[in-house]
Amino acid sequence: GNWVNDKKQQQQQQHPTVQLFTKEGCTLCDKVKETLQSIEPDQPHTLLAVDITDEDKKEYWNKYKWDIPVLHMNGLYWTKHRLNEEEAIGALRMARDGVFVEQRGEPDA
């Protein structure tokens, strides 16, 4: 019986983690969040909001302040500004299969 449980746990660990770099009053950020939430049932993932105005996030504030929302997938730069469902599904599938690679165009203000 153990084997089945192990398998389940492995699958859960494969849920990609998406970091949404955001700050208060960012309407584009809210849209990206809604897009991700709408596909969550089909493409399970963990969504973490990172407030770039926090004291310990200065590095991200400096890089991303003109470009939020910025998204990371499993700690790698993914995309910025806008996200449609197709793009999100494609990237989450790649992440789940372990083939997601860092994308080009990371802002560096």
C-alpha atoms as a PDB file:
ATOM      1  CA  GLY A   1       0.000   0.000   0.000  1.00  0.00           C
ATOM      2  CA  ASN A   2       2.916   2.326   0.638  1.00  0.00           C
ATOM      3  CA  TRP A   3       3.734   2.695  -3.006  1.00  0.00           C
ATOM      4  CA  VAL A   4       0.422   4.367  -3.803  1.00  0.00           C
ATOM      5  CA  ASN A   5       0.911   6.975  -1.084  1.00  0.00           C
ATOM      6  CA  ASP A   6       4.410   7.763  -2.277  1.00  0.00           C
ATOM      7  CA  LYS A   7       3.130   8.272  -5.770  1.00  0.00           C
ATOM      8  CA  LYS A   8       0.438  10.659  -4.544  1.00  0.00           C
ATOM      9  CA  GLN A   9       2.946  12.685  -2.581  1.00  0.00           C
ATOM     10  CA  GLN A  10       5.264  12.945  -5.557  1.00  0.00           C
ATOM     11  CA  GLN A  11       2.458  14.280  -7.683  1.00  0.00           C
ATOM     12  CA  GLN A  12       1.612  16.905  -5.113  1.00  0.00           C
ATOM     13  CA  GLN A  13       5.198  18.051  -4.949  1.00  0.00           C
ATOM     14  CA  GLN A  14       5.094  18.633  -8.660  1.00  0.00           C
ATOM     15  CA  HIS A  15       2.566  21.416  -8.354  1.00  0.00           C
ATOM     16  CA  PRO A  16       4.418  24.363  -9.814  1.00  0.00           C
ATOM     17  CA  THR A  17       4.891  27.434  -7.663  1.00  0.00           C
ATOM     18  CA  VAL A  18       4.074  30.741  -9.313  1.00  0.00           C
ATOM     19  CA  GLN A  19       5.340  33.938  -7.726  1.00  0.00           C
ATOM     20  CA  LEU A  20       3.415  37.064  -8.591  1.00  0.00           C
ATOM     21  CA  PHE A  21       5.446  40.203  -7.970  1.00  0.00           C
ATOM     22  CA  THR A  22       2.931  42.871  -7.158  1.00  0.00           C
ATOM     23  CA  LYS A  23       2.054  45.874  -5.044  1.00  0.00           C
ATOM     24  CA  GLU A  24      -1.105  47.528  -3.822  1.00  0.00           C
ATOM     25  CA  GLY A  25      -3.253  49.199  -6.470  1.00  0.00           C
ATOM     26  CA  CYS A  26      -1.782  47.244  -9.377  1.00  0.00           C
ATOM     27  CA  THR A  27      -4.821  46.467 -11.536  1.00  0.00           C
ATOM     28  CA  LEU A  28      -2.807  44.471 -14.088  1.00  0.00           C
ATOM     29  CA  CYS A  29      -1.601  42.329 -11.195  1.00  0.00           C
ATOM     30  CA  ASP A  30      -5.203  41.620 -10.209  1.00  0.00           C
ATOM     31  CA  LYS A  31      -5.994  40.546 -13.767  1.00  0.00           C
ATOM     32  CA  VAL A  32      -3.062  38.142 -13.865  1.00  0.00           C
ATOM     33  CA  LYS A  33      -4.151  36.741 -10.517  1.00  0.00           C
ATOM     34  CA  GLU A  34      -7.689  36.192 -11.828  1.00  0.00           C
ATOM     35  CA  THR A  35      -6.348  34.408 -14.911  1.00  0.00           C
ATOM     36  CA  LEU A  36      -4.270  32.080 -12.760  1.00  0.00           C
ATOM     37  CA  GLN A  37      -7.141  31.427 -10.373  1.00  0.00           C
ATOM     38  CA  SER A  38      -9.488  30.615 -13.234  1.00  0.00           C
ATOM     39  CA  ILE A  39      -7.220  27.824 -14.526  1.00  0.00           C
ATOM     40  CA  GLU A  40      -6.228  26.527 -11.085  1.00  0.00           C
ATOM     41  CA  PRO A  41      -8.794  23.687 -11.104  1.00  0.00           C
ATOM     42  CA  ASP A  42      -7.305  22.319 -14.352  1.00  0.00           C
ATOM     43  CA  GLN A  43      -3.702  23.300 -13.717  1.00  0.00           C
ATOM     44  CA  PRO A  44      -3.071  23.014  -9.986  1.00  0.00           C
ATOM     45  CA  HIS A  45      -0.329  25.327  -8.773  1.00  0.00           C
ATOM     46  CA  THR A  46       0.652  27.351  -5.751  1.00  0.00           C
ATOM     47  CA  LEU A  47       0.323  31.091  -6.230  1.00  0.00           C
ATOM     48  CA  LEU A  48       2.460  33.268  -3.981  1.00  0.00           C
ATOM     49  CA  ALA A  49       2.088  37.021  -4.052  1.00  0.00           C
ATOM     50  CA  VAL A  50       5.318  38.906  -3.431  1.00  0.00           C
ATOM     51  CA  ASP A  51       4.836  42.539  -2.416  1.00  0.00           C
ATOM     52  CA  ILE A  52       7.797  44.369  -3.898  1.00  0.00           C
ATOM     53  CA  THR A  53       7.307  47.274  -1.467  1.00  0.00           C
ATOM     54  CA  ASP A  54       8.243  45.051   1.503  1.00  0.00           C
ATOM     55  CA  GLU A  55      11.492  46.019   3.234  1.00  0.00           C
ATOM     56  CA  ASP A  56      13.208  42.741   2.379  1.00  0.00           C
ATOM     57  CA  LYS A  57      12.151  42.840  -1.285  1.00  0.00           C
ATOM     58  CA  LYS A  58      14.213  45.897  -2.288  1.00  0.00           C
ATOM     59  CA  GLU A  59      16.097  43.895  -4.898  1.00  0.00           C
ATOM     60  CA  TYR A  60      12.815  43.124  -6.674  1.00  0.00           C
ATOM     61  CA  TRP A  61      11.531  46.657  -6.253  1.00  0.00           C
ATOM     62  CA  ASN A  62      14.639  47.934  -8.007  1.00  0.00           C
ATOM     63  CA  LYS A  63      14.317  45.465 -10.860  1.00  0.00           C
ATOM     64  CA  TYR A  64      10.569  45.225 -11.328  1.00  0.00           C
ATOM     65  CA  LYS A  65       8.939  48.462 -10.159  1.00  0.00           C
ATOM     66  CA  TRP A  66       8.117  49.622 -13.706  1.00  0.00           C
ATOM     67  CA  ASP A  67       7.110  46.201 -14.945  1.00  0.00           C
ATOM     68  CA  ILE A  68       4.772  44.562 -12.460  1.00  0.00           C
ATOM     69  CA  PRO A  69       3.109  42.216 -12.604  1.00  0.00           C
ATOM     70  CA  VAL A  70       6.173  40.049 -13.047  1.00  0.00           C
ATOM     71  CA  LEU A  71       5.774  36.280 -12.758  1.00  0.00           C
ATOM     72  CA  HIS A  72       8.265  33.609 -11.763  1.00  0.00           C
ATOM     73  CA  MET A  73       7.689  29.883 -12.220  1.00  0.00           C
ATOM     74  CA  ASN A  74       9.460  27.715  -9.643  1.00  0.00           C
ATOM     75  CA  GLY A  75      11.867  30.574  -9.001  1.00  0.00           C
ATOM     76  CA  LEU A  76      12.666  31.245 -12.681  1.00  0.00           C
ATOM     77  CA  TYR A  77      11.612  34.346 -14.582  1.00  0.00           C
ATOM     78  CA  TRP A  78       8.476  33.621 -16.587  1.00  0.00           C
ATOM     79  CA  THR A  79       6.678  36.692 -17.901  1.00  0.00           C
ATOM     80  CA  LYS A  80       5.491  40.226 -17.157  1.00  0.00           C
ATOM     81  CA  HIS A  81       2.582  42.662 -17.664  1.00  0.00           C
ATOM     82  CA  ARG A  82      -0.044  40.342 -19.115  1.00  0.00           C
ATOM     83  CA  LEU A  83      -1.013  36.717 -19.155  1.00  0.00           C
ATOM     84  CA  ASN A  84      -3.717  34.871 -21.036  1.00  0.00           C
ATOM     85  CA  GLU A  85      -5.082  31.473 -20.101  1.00  0.00           C
ATOM     86  CA  GLU A  86      -3.386  29.658 -22.977  1.00  0.00           C
ATOM     87  CA  GLU A  87       0.041  30.999 -22.031  1.00  0.00           C
ATOM     88  CA  ALA A  88      -0.550  30.160 -18.399  1.00  0.00           C
ATOM     89  CA  ILE A  89      -1.698  26.604 -19.132  1.00  0.00           C
ATOM     90  CA  GLY A  90       1.239  25.995 -21.466  1.00  0.00           C
ATOM     91  CA  ALA A  91       3.801  27.207 -18.950  1.00  0.00           C
ATOM     92  CA  LEU A  92       2.243  25.333 -16.032  1.00  0.00           C
ATOM     93  CA  ARG A  93       2.219  22.106 -18.045  1.00  0.00           C
ATOM     94  CA  MET A  94       5.890  22.575 -18.862  1.00  0.00           C
ATOM     95  CA  ALA A  95       6.679  23.256 -15.216  1.00  0.00           C
ATOM     96  CA  ARG A  96       4.801  20.163 -14.108  1.00  0.00           C
ATOM     97  CA  ASP A  97       6.709  18.073 -16.634  1.00  0.00           C
ATOM     98  CA  GLY A  98       9.960  19.563 -15.396  1.00  0.00           C
ATOM     99  CA  VAL A  99      10.811  21.204 -18.724  1.00  0.00           C
ATOM    100  CA  PHE A 100      10.119  24.848 -17.909  1.00  0.00           C
ATOM    101  CA  VAL A 101      13.149  27.034 -18.581  1.00  0.00           C
ATOM    102  CA  GLU A 102      13.799  30.639 -17.682  1.00  0.00           C
ATOM    103  CA  GLN A 103      12.239  32.924 -20.269  1.00  0.00           C
ATOM    104  CA  ARG A 104      13.865  35.905 -21.936  1.00  0.00           C
ATOM    105  CA  GLY A 105      13.040  39.517 -21.270  1.00  0.00           C
ATOM    106  CA  GLU A 106      13.355  39.717 -17.515  1.00  0.00           C
ATOM    107  CA  PRO A 107      13.121  43.391 -16.552  1.00  0.00           C
ATOM    108  CA  ASP A 108      16.130  44.938 -14.876  1.00  0.00           C
ATOM    109  CA  ALA A 109      15.188  48.553 -14.241  1.00  0.00           C
END
